[in-house]
N, C-alpha and C. Protein backbone atom coordinates (compact mmCIF):
# COMPACT_ATOMS: atom_id res chain seq x y z
N ALA A 1 -10.64 2.33 10.20
CA ALA A 1 -10.20 2.51 8.84
C ALA A 1 -10.82 3.82 8.40
N GLY A 2 -10.19 4.48 7.25
CA GLY A 2 -10.76 5.67 6.82
C GLY A 2 -10.46 6.83 7.73
N CYS A 3 -11.46 7.69 7.93
CA CYS A 3 -11.25 8.90 8.71
C CYS A 3 -12.48 9.23 9.51
N ASP A 4 -12.33 10.28 10.27
CA ASP A 4 -13.50 10.69 11.11
C ASP A 4 -14.55 11.58 10.40
N GLY A 5 -15.01 11.04 9.37
CA GLY A 5 -16.05 11.74 8.62
C GLY A 5 -16.09 13.17 8.44
N GLN A 6 -17.05 13.82 8.88
CA GLN A 6 -17.27 15.21 8.65
C GLN A 6 -16.20 16.07 9.40
N ASN A 7 -15.78 15.63 10.60
CA ASN A 7 -14.72 16.39 11.27
C ASN A 7 -13.42 16.49 10.37
N TYR A 8 -13.16 15.38 9.79
CA TYR A 8 -12.01 15.28 8.91
C TYR A 8 -12.13 16.29 7.68
N ASN A 9 -13.42 16.32 7.12
CA ASN A 9 -13.52 17.23 6.04
C ASN A 9 -13.44 18.66 6.47
N VAL A 10 -14.02 19.06 7.65
CA VAL A 10 -13.90 20.46 8.07
C VAL A 10 -12.49 20.83 8.45
N ALA A 11 -11.75 19.85 8.99
CA ALA A 11 -10.31 20.16 9.31
C ALA A 11 -9.53 20.39 7.99
N ASN A 12 -9.81 19.71 6.99
CA ASN A 12 -9.22 19.95 5.74
C ASN A 12 -9.64 21.27 5.09
N TYR A 13 -10.94 21.73 5.27
CA TYR A 13 -11.37 22.98 4.81
C TYR A 13 -10.57 24.04 5.52
N PHE A 14 -10.40 23.97 6.82
CA PHE A 14 -9.62 25.02 7.54
C PHE A 14 -8.24 25.06 7.07
N MET A 15 -7.57 23.86 6.98
CA MET A 15 -6.20 23.77 6.70
C MET A 15 -5.93 24.46 5.28
N LEU A 16 -6.85 24.18 4.38
CA LEU A 16 -6.67 24.72 2.99
C LEU A 16 -7.06 26.20 2.93
N ALA A 17 -7.92 26.67 3.84
CA ALA A 17 -8.32 28.06 3.73
C ALA A 17 -7.33 28.97 4.38
N HIS A 18 -6.56 28.54 5.41
CA HIS A 18 -5.72 29.41 6.23
C HIS A 18 -4.37 29.43 5.43
N ASP A 19 -3.72 30.64 5.65
CA ASP A 19 -2.46 30.83 4.89
C ASP A 19 -1.23 30.29 5.56
N TYR A 20 -1.29 29.57 6.66
CA TYR A 20 -0.20 29.06 7.32
C TYR A 20 0.29 27.72 6.75
N GLY A 21 1.57 27.63 6.58
CA GLY A 21 2.24 26.41 6.30
C GLY A 21 1.96 25.85 4.87
N TYR A 22 2.23 24.60 4.69
CA TYR A 22 2.20 23.90 3.45
C TYR A 22 1.20 22.73 3.63
N PRO A 23 -0.07 22.91 3.27
CA PRO A 23 -0.96 21.81 3.41
C PRO A 23 -0.74 20.57 2.69
N LYS A 24 -1.13 19.47 3.27
CA LYS A 24 -0.99 18.19 2.58
C LYS A 24 -2.32 17.42 2.70
N VAL A 25 -2.98 17.31 1.60
CA VAL A 25 -4.25 16.56 1.49
C VAL A 25 -3.92 15.05 1.45
N MET A 26 -4.40 14.26 2.30
CA MET A 26 -4.25 12.87 2.43
C MET A 26 -5.38 12.11 1.88
N SER A 27 -5.09 10.92 1.42
CA SER A 27 -6.14 9.91 1.07
C SER A 27 -5.73 8.55 1.69
N SER A 28 -6.79 7.80 1.98
CA SER A 28 -6.42 6.52 2.61
C SER A 28 -7.24 5.37 2.09
N TYR A 29 -7.08 4.22 2.67
CA TYR A 29 -7.69 3.01 2.15
C TYR A 29 -8.39 2.39 3.39
N TYR A 30 -9.44 1.60 3.06
CA TYR A 30 -10.14 0.80 3.99
C TYR A 30 -9.28 -0.42 4.45
N PHE A 31 -9.37 -0.79 5.73
CA PHE A 31 -8.69 -1.99 6.17
C PHE A 31 -9.30 -2.55 7.45
N THR A 32 -9.13 -3.79 7.65
CA THR A 32 -9.61 -4.38 8.92
C THR A 32 -8.42 -5.03 9.64
N ASP A 33 -7.38 -5.33 8.94
CA ASP A 33 -6.06 -5.92 9.45
C ASP A 33 -5.16 -4.73 9.62
N THR A 34 -4.68 -4.36 10.83
CA THR A 34 -3.76 -3.27 10.99
C THR A 34 -2.37 -3.49 10.47
N ASP A 35 -2.11 -4.75 10.18
CA ASP A 35 -0.80 -5.17 9.65
C ASP A 35 -0.74 -5.21 8.14
N ALA A 36 -1.96 -5.02 7.53
CA ALA A 36 -2.05 -5.11 6.07
C ALA A 36 -1.64 -3.88 5.35
N GLY A 37 -1.10 -4.00 4.14
CA GLY A 37 -0.67 -2.80 3.35
C GLY A 37 -1.95 -2.35 2.62
N PRO A 38 -1.68 -1.34 1.63
CA PRO A 38 -2.77 -0.89 0.79
C PRO A 38 -3.30 -1.95 -0.10
N PRO A 39 -4.51 -1.72 -0.66
CA PRO A 39 -5.05 -2.61 -1.59
C PRO A 39 -4.23 -2.74 -2.89
N SER A 40 -4.40 -3.85 -3.57
CA SER A 40 -3.66 -3.98 -4.84
C SER A 40 -4.34 -3.29 -6.01
N THR A 41 -5.58 -2.91 -5.81
CA THR A 41 -6.34 -2.13 -6.79
C THR A 41 -5.77 -0.75 -6.92
N PRO A 42 -5.43 -0.24 -8.10
CA PRO A 42 -4.88 1.15 -8.29
C PRO A 42 -6.01 2.13 -7.94
N VAL A 43 -5.52 3.15 -7.25
CA VAL A 43 -6.57 4.13 -6.85
C VAL A 43 -7.16 4.92 -8.07
N ASP A 44 -6.32 4.99 -9.19
CA ASP A 44 -6.87 5.73 -10.39
C ASP A 44 -7.39 4.80 -11.39
N GLY A 45 -7.57 3.49 -10.99
CA GLY A 45 -8.05 2.50 -11.98
C GLY A 45 -9.54 2.43 -12.21
N GLY A 46 -10.30 3.39 -11.80
CA GLY A 46 -11.76 3.39 -11.98
C GLY A 46 -12.42 2.62 -10.85
N ALA A 47 -11.96 1.52 -10.43
CA ALA A 47 -12.59 0.70 -9.40
C ALA A 47 -11.97 1.07 -8.00
N GLY A 48 -10.95 1.84 -7.97
CA GLY A 48 -10.18 2.11 -6.85
C GLY A 48 -11.07 2.80 -5.78
N CYS A 49 -11.88 3.75 -6.05
CA CYS A 49 -12.69 4.48 -5.17
C CYS A 49 -14.07 3.90 -5.08
N ASP A 50 -14.15 2.64 -4.73
CA ASP A 50 -15.47 1.99 -4.75
C ASP A 50 -16.07 1.72 -3.44
N GLY A 51 -15.50 2.31 -2.39
CA GLY A 51 -16.13 2.09 -1.03
C GLY A 51 -15.56 0.83 -0.43
N GLN A 52 -14.75 0.11 -1.06
CA GLN A 52 -14.21 -1.19 -0.67
C GLN A 52 -12.74 -1.12 -0.42
N ASN A 53 -12.08 -0.29 -1.33
CA ASN A 53 -10.68 -0.26 -1.35
C ASN A 53 -10.07 1.11 -0.85
N TRP A 54 -10.07 2.05 -1.73
CA TRP A 54 -9.52 3.37 -1.35
C TRP A 54 -10.70 4.28 -1.00
N VAL A 55 -10.41 5.14 0.08
CA VAL A 55 -11.43 6.10 0.61
C VAL A 55 -11.54 7.29 -0.34
N CYS A 56 -10.45 7.73 -0.84
CA CYS A 56 -10.35 8.84 -1.81
C CYS A 56 -10.91 10.20 -1.30
N GLU A 57 -10.52 10.55 -0.03
CA GLU A 57 -10.91 11.79 0.54
C GLU A 57 -10.57 13.01 -0.34
N HIS A 58 -9.45 12.90 -1.06
CA HIS A 58 -8.99 14.01 -1.92
C HIS A 58 -10.05 14.30 -3.10
N ARG A 59 -10.97 13.45 -3.27
CA ARG A 59 -11.90 13.62 -4.38
C ARG A 59 -13.22 14.17 -3.87
N ARG A 60 -13.34 14.25 -2.63
CA ARG A 60 -14.58 14.79 -2.04
C ARG A 60 -14.78 16.30 -2.52
N THR A 61 -15.94 16.64 -2.88
CA THR A 61 -16.19 17.95 -3.56
C THR A 61 -15.60 19.09 -2.75
N GLY A 62 -15.91 19.19 -1.50
CA GLY A 62 -15.40 20.28 -0.64
C GLY A 62 -13.88 20.31 -0.59
N ILE A 63 -13.21 19.19 -0.37
CA ILE A 63 -11.80 19.21 -0.21
C ILE A 63 -11.21 19.55 -1.59
N ALA A 64 -11.62 18.92 -2.63
CA ALA A 64 -11.10 19.27 -4.00
C ALA A 64 -11.32 20.72 -4.37
N ASN A 65 -12.51 21.31 -4.05
CA ASN A 65 -12.72 22.66 -4.39
C ASN A 65 -11.92 23.63 -3.48
N MET A 66 -11.59 23.19 -2.23
CA MET A 66 -10.80 24.08 -1.33
C MET A 66 -9.32 24.04 -1.83
N VAL A 67 -8.86 23.13 -2.59
CA VAL A 67 -7.61 23.22 -3.14
C VAL A 67 -7.45 24.42 -4.13
N ALA A 68 -8.63 24.56 -4.93
CA ALA A 68 -8.60 25.71 -5.86
C ALA A 68 -8.78 27.02 -5.01
N PHE A 69 -9.50 27.02 -3.91
CA PHE A 69 -9.65 28.15 -3.01
C PHE A 69 -8.18 28.59 -2.55
N ARG A 70 -7.37 27.59 -2.10
CA ARG A 70 -5.96 27.77 -1.63
C ARG A 70 -5.17 28.34 -2.75
N LYS A 71 -5.28 27.79 -3.90
CA LYS A 71 -4.52 28.32 -5.03
C LYS A 71 -4.89 29.79 -5.40
N ALA A 72 -6.20 30.12 -5.40
CA ALA A 72 -6.60 31.40 -5.69
C ALA A 72 -6.11 32.39 -4.61
N ALA A 73 -5.97 31.97 -3.38
CA ALA A 73 -5.66 32.93 -2.31
C ALA A 73 -4.09 32.90 -2.08
N THR A 74 -3.32 32.19 -2.82
CA THR A 74 -1.89 32.20 -2.66
C THR A 74 -1.25 33.55 -2.49
N GLY A 75 -0.52 33.79 -1.39
CA GLY A 75 0.19 35.00 -1.10
C GLY A 75 -0.68 36.03 -0.47
N VAL A 76 -1.94 35.77 -0.22
CA VAL A 76 -2.86 36.73 0.50
C VAL A 76 -3.01 36.33 1.97
N ALA A 77 -2.69 37.23 2.82
CA ALA A 77 -2.71 36.90 4.24
C ALA A 77 -4.12 36.67 4.76
N THR A 78 -4.30 35.94 5.86
CA THR A 78 -5.58 35.79 6.60
C THR A 78 -6.00 37.09 7.11
N SER A 79 -7.28 37.42 7.00
CA SER A 79 -7.85 38.70 7.47
C SER A 79 -9.20 38.48 7.93
N ASP A 80 -9.80 39.58 8.52
CA ASP A 80 -11.19 39.69 8.95
C ASP A 80 -11.60 38.52 9.85
N TRP A 81 -10.86 38.17 10.80
CA TRP A 81 -11.17 37.01 11.71
C TRP A 81 -12.48 37.41 12.49
N GLN A 82 -13.41 36.49 12.54
CA GLN A 82 -14.72 36.68 13.18
C GLN A 82 -15.07 35.41 13.82
N SER A 83 -15.88 35.50 14.91
CA SER A 83 -16.33 34.24 15.56
C SER A 83 -17.84 34.49 16.03
N GLY A 84 -18.40 33.45 16.32
CA GLY A 84 -19.88 33.42 16.80
C GLY A 84 -20.41 32.08 17.12
N ASN A 85 -21.73 32.00 17.11
CA ASN A 85 -22.41 30.82 17.41
C ASN A 85 -21.83 30.05 18.72
N SER A 86 -21.85 30.96 19.75
CA SER A 86 -21.41 30.43 21.06
C SER A 86 -20.02 29.82 21.14
N GLY A 87 -19.20 30.45 20.29
CA GLY A 87 -17.73 29.89 20.17
C GLY A 87 -17.61 28.74 19.25
N ASN A 88 -18.66 28.31 18.60
CA ASN A 88 -18.54 27.18 17.64
C ASN A 88 -18.34 27.57 16.17
N GLY A 89 -18.40 28.83 15.93
CA GLY A 89 -18.26 29.31 14.58
C GLY A 89 -17.05 30.26 14.46
N VAL A 90 -16.38 30.10 13.38
CA VAL A 90 -15.22 30.94 13.03
C VAL A 90 -15.25 31.33 11.48
N ALA A 91 -14.92 32.56 11.16
CA ALA A 91 -14.89 32.92 9.83
C ALA A 91 -13.70 33.88 9.54
N PHE A 92 -13.12 33.80 8.44
CA PHE A 92 -12.03 34.66 8.10
C PHE A 92 -11.90 34.74 6.51
N GLY A 93 -11.23 35.75 6.11
CA GLY A 93 -11.05 36.00 4.72
C GLY A 93 -9.60 35.84 4.34
N ARG A 94 -9.32 35.87 3.07
CA ARG A 94 -7.99 36.02 2.51
C ARG A 94 -7.98 37.30 1.67
N GLY A 95 -8.19 38.38 2.36
CA GLY A 95 -8.16 39.68 1.74
C GLY A 95 -9.41 39.84 0.77
N ALA A 96 -9.22 40.36 -0.34
CA ALA A 96 -10.27 40.54 -1.37
C ALA A 96 -10.44 39.30 -2.27
N THR A 97 -9.79 38.25 -1.85
CA THR A 97 -9.72 37.07 -2.70
C THR A 97 -10.59 35.89 -2.35
N ALA A 98 -10.80 35.59 -1.05
CA ALA A 98 -11.53 34.48 -0.58
C ALA A 98 -12.09 34.61 0.83
N PHE A 99 -13.08 33.86 1.17
CA PHE A 99 -13.71 33.90 2.43
C PHE A 99 -14.18 32.51 2.91
N ILE A 100 -14.18 32.17 4.19
CA ILE A 100 -14.66 30.91 4.67
C ILE A 100 -15.41 31.13 6.02
N ALA A 101 -16.49 30.48 6.29
CA ALA A 101 -17.13 30.46 7.59
C ALA A 101 -17.29 28.97 7.92
N ILE A 102 -16.85 28.58 9.14
CA ILE A 102 -16.89 27.25 9.58
C ILE A 102 -17.77 27.14 10.84
N ASN A 103 -18.66 26.17 10.94
CA ASN A 103 -19.48 25.87 12.05
C ASN A 103 -19.18 24.51 12.61
N MET A 104 -18.68 24.45 13.86
CA MET A 104 -18.34 23.25 14.52
C MET A 104 -19.48 22.83 15.51
N ASP A 105 -20.56 23.53 15.52
CA ASP A 105 -21.62 23.15 16.43
C ASP A 105 -22.26 21.89 15.88
N THR A 106 -22.66 20.92 16.71
CA THR A 106 -23.28 19.70 16.28
C THR A 106 -24.75 19.77 16.38
N ASN A 107 -25.28 20.88 16.89
CA ASN A 107 -26.77 20.92 17.12
C ASN A 107 -27.45 22.00 16.25
N SER A 108 -26.72 23.05 15.94
CA SER A 108 -27.47 24.19 15.25
C SER A 108 -26.67 24.80 14.14
N ASN A 109 -27.34 25.24 13.00
CA ASN A 109 -26.73 26.02 12.04
C ASN A 109 -26.13 27.33 12.61
N TRP A 110 -25.22 27.99 11.90
CA TRP A 110 -24.73 29.27 12.24
C TRP A 110 -25.19 30.17 11.16
N SER A 111 -26.16 31.06 11.57
CA SER A 111 -26.66 32.12 10.57
C SER A 111 -26.12 33.51 11.08
N ALA A 112 -25.45 34.19 10.11
CA ALA A 112 -24.73 35.42 10.51
C ALA A 112 -24.53 36.33 9.32
N ASP A 113 -24.45 37.55 9.49
CA ASP A 113 -23.99 38.57 8.53
C ASP A 113 -22.58 38.83 8.94
N LEU A 114 -21.68 38.59 7.98
CA LEU A 114 -20.20 38.66 8.30
C LEU A 114 -19.60 39.70 7.36
N ASP A 115 -18.47 40.25 7.78
CA ASP A 115 -17.76 41.24 7.10
C ASP A 115 -16.67 40.54 6.14
N THR A 116 -16.60 41.03 4.94
CA THR A 116 -15.66 40.40 3.98
C THR A 116 -15.12 41.50 3.07
N GLN A 117 -13.88 41.33 2.66
CA GLN A 117 -13.29 42.21 1.67
C GLN A 117 -13.49 41.72 0.25
N VAL A 118 -14.04 40.53 0.10
CA VAL A 118 -14.39 40.04 -1.29
C VAL A 118 -15.26 41.00 -1.97
N PRO A 119 -15.06 41.34 -3.27
CA PRO A 119 -15.93 42.26 -3.99
C PRO A 119 -17.39 41.77 -4.05
N ASP A 120 -18.27 42.77 -4.16
CA ASP A 120 -19.70 42.48 -4.30
C ASP A 120 -19.84 41.49 -5.51
N GLY A 121 -20.82 40.62 -5.44
CA GLY A 121 -21.05 39.71 -6.51
C GLY A 121 -21.68 38.44 -5.97
N THR A 122 -21.92 37.51 -6.86
CA THR A 122 -22.38 36.13 -6.49
C THR A 122 -21.34 35.14 -6.84
N TYR A 123 -21.12 34.26 -5.81
CA TYR A 123 -20.02 33.26 -5.84
C TYR A 123 -20.63 31.87 -5.55
N THR A 124 -20.02 30.84 -6.00
CA THR A 124 -20.40 29.54 -5.76
C THR A 124 -19.67 28.98 -4.52
N ASN A 125 -20.49 28.31 -3.68
CA ASN A 125 -19.93 27.79 -2.41
C ASN A 125 -19.01 26.61 -2.80
N ALA A 126 -17.70 26.75 -2.43
CA ALA A 126 -16.72 25.74 -2.81
C ALA A 126 -16.96 24.46 -2.07
N ILE A 127 -17.68 24.37 -0.99
CA ILE A 127 -17.91 23.32 -0.13
C ILE A 127 -18.80 22.27 -0.79
N ASP A 128 -20.01 22.83 -1.32
CA ASP A 128 -20.95 21.89 -1.97
C ASP A 128 -20.92 22.00 -3.51
N GLY A 129 -20.26 23.12 -3.96
CA GLY A 129 -20.07 23.24 -5.52
C GLY A 129 -21.31 23.71 -6.15
N THR A 130 -22.48 24.09 -5.45
CA THR A 130 -23.67 24.52 -6.19
C THR A 130 -24.30 25.77 -5.48
N THR A 131 -24.34 25.79 -4.19
CA THR A 131 -25.09 26.92 -3.56
C THR A 131 -24.43 28.29 -3.93
N GLN A 132 -25.26 29.29 -4.18
CA GLN A 132 -24.80 30.59 -4.54
C GLN A 132 -24.75 31.48 -3.33
N ILE A 133 -23.72 32.21 -3.24
CA ILE A 133 -23.52 33.15 -2.06
C ILE A 133 -23.31 34.52 -2.66
N THR A 134 -24.08 35.49 -2.06
CA THR A 134 -24.04 36.80 -2.49
C THR A 134 -23.33 37.73 -1.45
N VAL A 135 -22.34 38.53 -1.99
CA VAL A 135 -21.66 39.51 -1.17
C VAL A 135 -22.16 40.91 -1.61
N SER A 136 -22.54 41.74 -0.65
CA SER A 136 -23.01 43.08 -0.97
C SER A 136 -22.67 44.06 0.10
N GLY A 137 -22.06 45.12 -0.28
CA GLY A 137 -21.63 46.15 0.67
C GLY A 137 -20.69 45.69 1.66
N GLY A 138 -19.79 44.79 1.42
CA GLY A 138 -18.80 44.28 2.35
C GLY A 138 -19.35 43.27 3.34
N LYS A 139 -20.58 42.74 3.08
CA LYS A 139 -21.15 41.78 4.05
C LYS A 139 -21.62 40.57 3.20
N VAL A 140 -21.46 39.45 3.87
CA VAL A 140 -22.09 38.13 3.38
C VAL A 140 -22.95 37.59 4.43
N SER A 141 -24.17 37.16 4.02
CA SER A 141 -25.03 36.48 4.94
C SER A 141 -24.88 35.01 4.76
N VAL A 142 -24.57 34.23 5.76
CA VAL A 142 -24.33 32.86 5.72
C VAL A 142 -25.27 32.08 6.64
N ASP A 143 -25.62 30.92 6.27
CA ASP A 143 -26.29 29.95 7.07
C ASP A 143 -25.48 28.67 6.93
N VAL A 144 -24.57 28.49 7.83
CA VAL A 144 -23.63 27.39 7.77
C VAL A 144 -24.23 26.19 8.56
N PRO A 145 -24.33 25.01 7.82
CA PRO A 145 -24.95 23.83 8.53
C PRO A 145 -23.98 23.40 9.67
N THR A 146 -24.55 22.42 10.48
CA THR A 146 -23.79 21.90 11.56
C THR A 146 -22.56 21.14 10.99
N LEU A 147 -21.44 21.22 11.66
CA LEU A 147 -20.29 20.46 11.32
C LEU A 147 -19.95 20.69 9.77
N ASP A 148 -19.97 21.89 9.34
CA ASP A 148 -19.74 22.21 7.89
C ASP A 148 -19.22 23.56 7.72
N ALA A 149 -19.12 24.00 6.50
CA ALA A 149 -18.51 25.32 6.12
C ALA A 149 -19.17 25.84 4.90
N VAL A 150 -18.96 27.18 4.75
CA VAL A 150 -19.34 27.85 3.46
C VAL A 150 -18.08 28.67 3.08
N ALA A 151 -17.72 28.52 1.87
CA ALA A 151 -16.43 29.11 1.33
C ALA A 151 -16.56 29.50 -0.09
N PHE A 152 -16.01 30.67 -0.44
CA PHE A 152 -16.03 31.07 -1.80
C PHE A 152 -14.83 31.87 -1.98
N TYR A 153 -14.50 32.06 -3.37
CA TYR A 153 -13.28 32.81 -3.71
C TYR A 153 -13.43 33.44 -5.11
N VAL A 154 -12.69 34.43 -5.38
CA VAL A 154 -12.68 35.07 -6.71
C VAL A 154 -11.90 34.24 -7.68
N GLU A 155 -12.55 33.82 -8.76
CA GLU A 155 -11.72 33.04 -9.72
C GLU A 155 -11.01 33.83 -10.77
């Protein structure tokens, strides 16, 4: 039931950050009987996202904020593709509008100084909604946790 935890989250971050296609954010429900339908509790009824009925992946901070990232970067092509962390890290921008760094390593953070076209300034990490990220001179220093991402965009 549900989804594959953090791998699911990171896959959604990538899908929403990249300029390809038409992303679709899914949400699901918990079940033990594979023949059962969805819960009778409405998802928007307050009790729906209670850990018993609906999973509500679409409400997770990182996924919800990456929808805003996608909207901000509409029409801007993927750029500045970079990789690192022994092949477990990938980063790219959406021109001067947005940037994401993803770490799929399960054992170590990815610390790197990466190139970005996003203007100098301080931005809020869309993934956790709180961490501040500074861009200076076309570079951003990131420390991306294991199986996670750092993303920011111009609002």
